[in-house]
């Protein structure tokens, strides 16, 4: 920030105010992260884990996006057509994200498709254990 006014005189109050505005804007900016974790199998357990992963992302100042928590609310994951449509929607949303975070000790078929799409798009991928500890890869 320029600490001088238009006439060249020091103006620390305005400079400080502008710096505070810039800092506040930076605090409010959050990157969008795609949460990739298992859904099928023990669905109740996996939903609870995904909720925890989303809370973790919020605590790390990201905006979490977890389509596998959203689409099963109104689409039937047991219906092959609806599952494929939900996955298509998820892959489209994934392309809008700044990063993909993969959680858990195993990669399901749906997760593998999400990871593949992120790699093709050059979206950074980070891997985490079920306890949200970052690792090199699952």
Protein backbone atom coordinates (compact mmCIF):
# COMPACT_ATOMS: atom_id res chain seq x y z
CA UNK A 1 0.00 0.00 0.00
CA UNK A 2 1.22 3.47 -0.84
CA UNK A 3 1.87 5.39 2.39
CA UNK A 4 1.74 8.76 0.61
CA UNK A 5 -1.21 10.75 -0.67
CA UNK A 6 -1.59 12.26 -4.15
CA UNK A 7 0.48 15.30 -3.17
CA UNK A 8 3.34 13.13 -1.91
CA UNK A 9 2.73 13.68 1.81
CA UNK A 10 2.77 10.75 4.23
CA UNK A 11 -0.74 9.40 4.90
CA UNK A 12 -0.33 6.42 7.25
CA UNK A 13 -4.00 6.33 8.29
CA UNK A 14 -5.26 5.75 4.75
CA UNK A 15 -2.48 3.24 4.07
CA UNK A 16 -3.37 1.31 7.23
CA UNK A 17 -7.08 1.37 6.39
CA UNK A 18 -6.43 0.05 2.88
CA UNK A 19 -4.11 -2.63 4.24
CA UNK A 20 -6.83 -3.72 6.71
CA UNK A 21 -9.41 -3.93 3.90
CA UNK A 22 -7.04 -6.06 1.82
CA UNK A 23 -6.35 -8.32 4.83
CA UNK A 24 -10.09 -8.76 5.51
CA UNK A 25 -10.73 -9.66 1.86
CA UNK A 26 -7.93 -12.22 2.02
CA UNK A 27 -9.44 -13.76 5.18
CA UNK A 28 -12.79 -14.17 3.46
CA UNK A 29 -11.33 -15.83 0.34
CA UNK A 30 -11.45 -19.59 0.53
CA UNK A 31 -10.45 -22.11 -2.10
CA UNK A 32 -12.90 -24.79 -3.23
CA UNK A 33 -11.82 -28.35 -2.39
CA UNK A 34 -13.44 -31.54 -3.68
CA UNK A 35 -13.80 -34.14 -0.93
CA UNK A 36 -13.23 -37.62 -2.36
CA UNK A 37 -14.01 -40.50 0.01
CA UNK A 38 -15.85 -43.83 -0.02
CA UNK A 39 -19.65 -43.89 -0.05
CA UNK A 40 -20.80 -47.45 -0.83
CA UNK A 41 -20.44 -50.29 1.65
CA UNK A 42 -21.09 -49.10 5.18
CA UNK A 43 -22.99 -46.03 4.02
CA UNK A 44 -23.83 -44.61 7.46
CA UNK A 45 -20.18 -44.85 8.56
CA UNK A 46 -18.94 -43.40 5.25
CA UNK A 47 -21.39 -40.48 5.43
CA UNK A 48 -20.23 -39.66 8.95
CA UNK A 49 -16.60 -39.83 7.83
CA UNK A 50 -17.31 -37.55 4.84
CA UNK A 51 -19.00 -35.02 7.14
CA UNK A 52 -15.88 -35.05 9.30
CA UNK A 53 -13.66 -34.54 6.25
CA UNK A 54 -15.79 -31.55 5.26
CA UNK A 55 -15.44 -30.09 8.78
CA UNK A 56 -11.68 -30.61 8.50
CA UNK A 57 -11.62 -28.68 5.20
CA UNK A 58 -13.62 -25.82 6.75
CA UNK A 59 -11.20 -25.71 9.68
CA UNK A 60 -8.35 -25.46 7.16
CA UNK A 61 -10.17 -22.47 5.59
CA UNK A 62 -11.40 -24.24 2.45
CA UNK A 63 -14.90 -24.59 1.04
CA UNK A 64 -15.61 -28.33 0.91
CA UNK A 65 -17.61 -29.89 -1.90
CA UNK A 66 -18.75 -33.47 -1.28
CA UNK A 67 -21.27 -34.53 -3.94
CA UNK A 68 -21.59 -37.98 -2.37
CA UNK A 69 -23.26 -36.27 0.59
CA UNK A 70 -25.54 -34.19 -1.61
CA UNK A 71 -26.84 -36.33 -4.48
CA UNK A 72 -27.95 -39.39 -2.46
CA UNK A 73 -30.41 -37.03 -0.74
CA UNK A 74 -32.62 -37.14 -3.84
CA UNK A 75 -31.05 -39.73 -6.15
CA UNK A 76 -30.96 -43.51 -5.65
CA UNK A 77 -27.38 -44.77 -5.51
CA UNK A 78 -28.70 -48.33 -5.96
CA UNK A 79 -30.20 -47.39 -9.36
CA UNK A 80 -27.40 -47.73 -11.94
CA UNK A 81 -28.68 -44.88 -14.15
CA UNK A 82 -29.11 -42.48 -11.25
CA UNK A 83 -25.70 -43.42 -9.83
CA UNK A 84 -24.01 -42.74 -13.18
CA UNK A 85 -25.86 -39.44 -13.52
CA UNK A 86 -24.82 -38.45 -9.99
CA UNK A 87 -21.21 -39.32 -10.78
CA UNK A 88 -21.39 -37.28 -13.99
CA UNK A 89 -22.65 -34.29 -11.98
CA UNK A 90 -19.88 -34.84 -9.45
CA UNK A 91 -17.18 -34.93 -12.14
CA UNK A 92 -18.48 -31.67 -13.59
CA UNK A 93 -18.33 -30.05 -10.15
CA UNK A 94 -14.86 -31.52 -9.55
CA UNK A 95 -13.60 -29.52 -12.55
CA UNK A 96 -14.62 -26.30 -10.76
CA UNK A 97 -12.49 -27.08 -7.71
CA UNK A 98 -9.02 -25.80 -6.88
CA UNK A 99 -7.90 -29.09 -5.30
CA UNK A 100 -9.06 -32.67 -4.72
CA UNK A 101 -8.57 -34.21 -1.30
CA UNK A 102 -8.72 -38.00 -1.18
CA UNK A 103 -9.52 -39.51 2.23
CA UNK A 104 -9.33 -43.02 3.63
CA UNK A 105 -7.30 -46.17 3.20
CA UNK A 106 -8.93 -47.48 0.03
CA UNK A 107 -9.97 -46.05 -3.32
CA UNK A 108 -13.39 -47.16 -4.58
CA UNK A 109 -14.32 -47.34 -8.26
CA UNK A 110 -16.09 -43.98 -8.12
CA UNK A 111 -13.14 -42.40 -6.33
CA UNK A 112 -10.77 -43.79 -8.98
CA UNK A 113 -12.82 -42.04 -11.67
CA UNK A 114 -12.69 -38.78 -9.71
CA UNK A 115 -8.92 -39.05 -9.22
CA UNK A 116 -8.43 -39.84 -12.90
CA UNK A 117 -10.49 -36.80 -13.92
CA UNK A 118 -8.49 -34.55 -11.58
CA UNK A 119 -5.21 -35.85 -13.03
CA UNK A 120 -6.41 -35.25 -16.60
CA UNK A 121 -7.42 -31.71 -15.68
CA UNK A 122 -4.19 -30.98 -13.80
CA UNK A 123 -6.06 -30.35 -10.55
CA UNK A 124 -3.77 -30.82 -7.52
CA UNK A 125 -4.56 -33.96 -5.52
CA UNK A 126 -3.76 -34.40 -1.85
CA UNK A 127 -4.14 -37.67 0.06
CA UNK A 128 -5.20 -38.09 3.69
CA UNK A 129 -5.76 -40.96 6.08
CA UNK A 130 -9.14 -41.46 7.77
CA UNK A 131 -7.71 -39.37 10.63
CA UNK A 132 -6.99 -36.46 8.26
CA UNK A 133 -3.23 -36.96 8.33
CA UNK A 134 -1.70 -36.04 4.99
CA UNK A 135 0.23 -38.81 3.22
CA UNK A 136 1.98 -39.12 -0.15
CA UNK A 137 -0.63 -41.38 -1.75
CA UNK A 138 -3.10 -44.10 -0.81
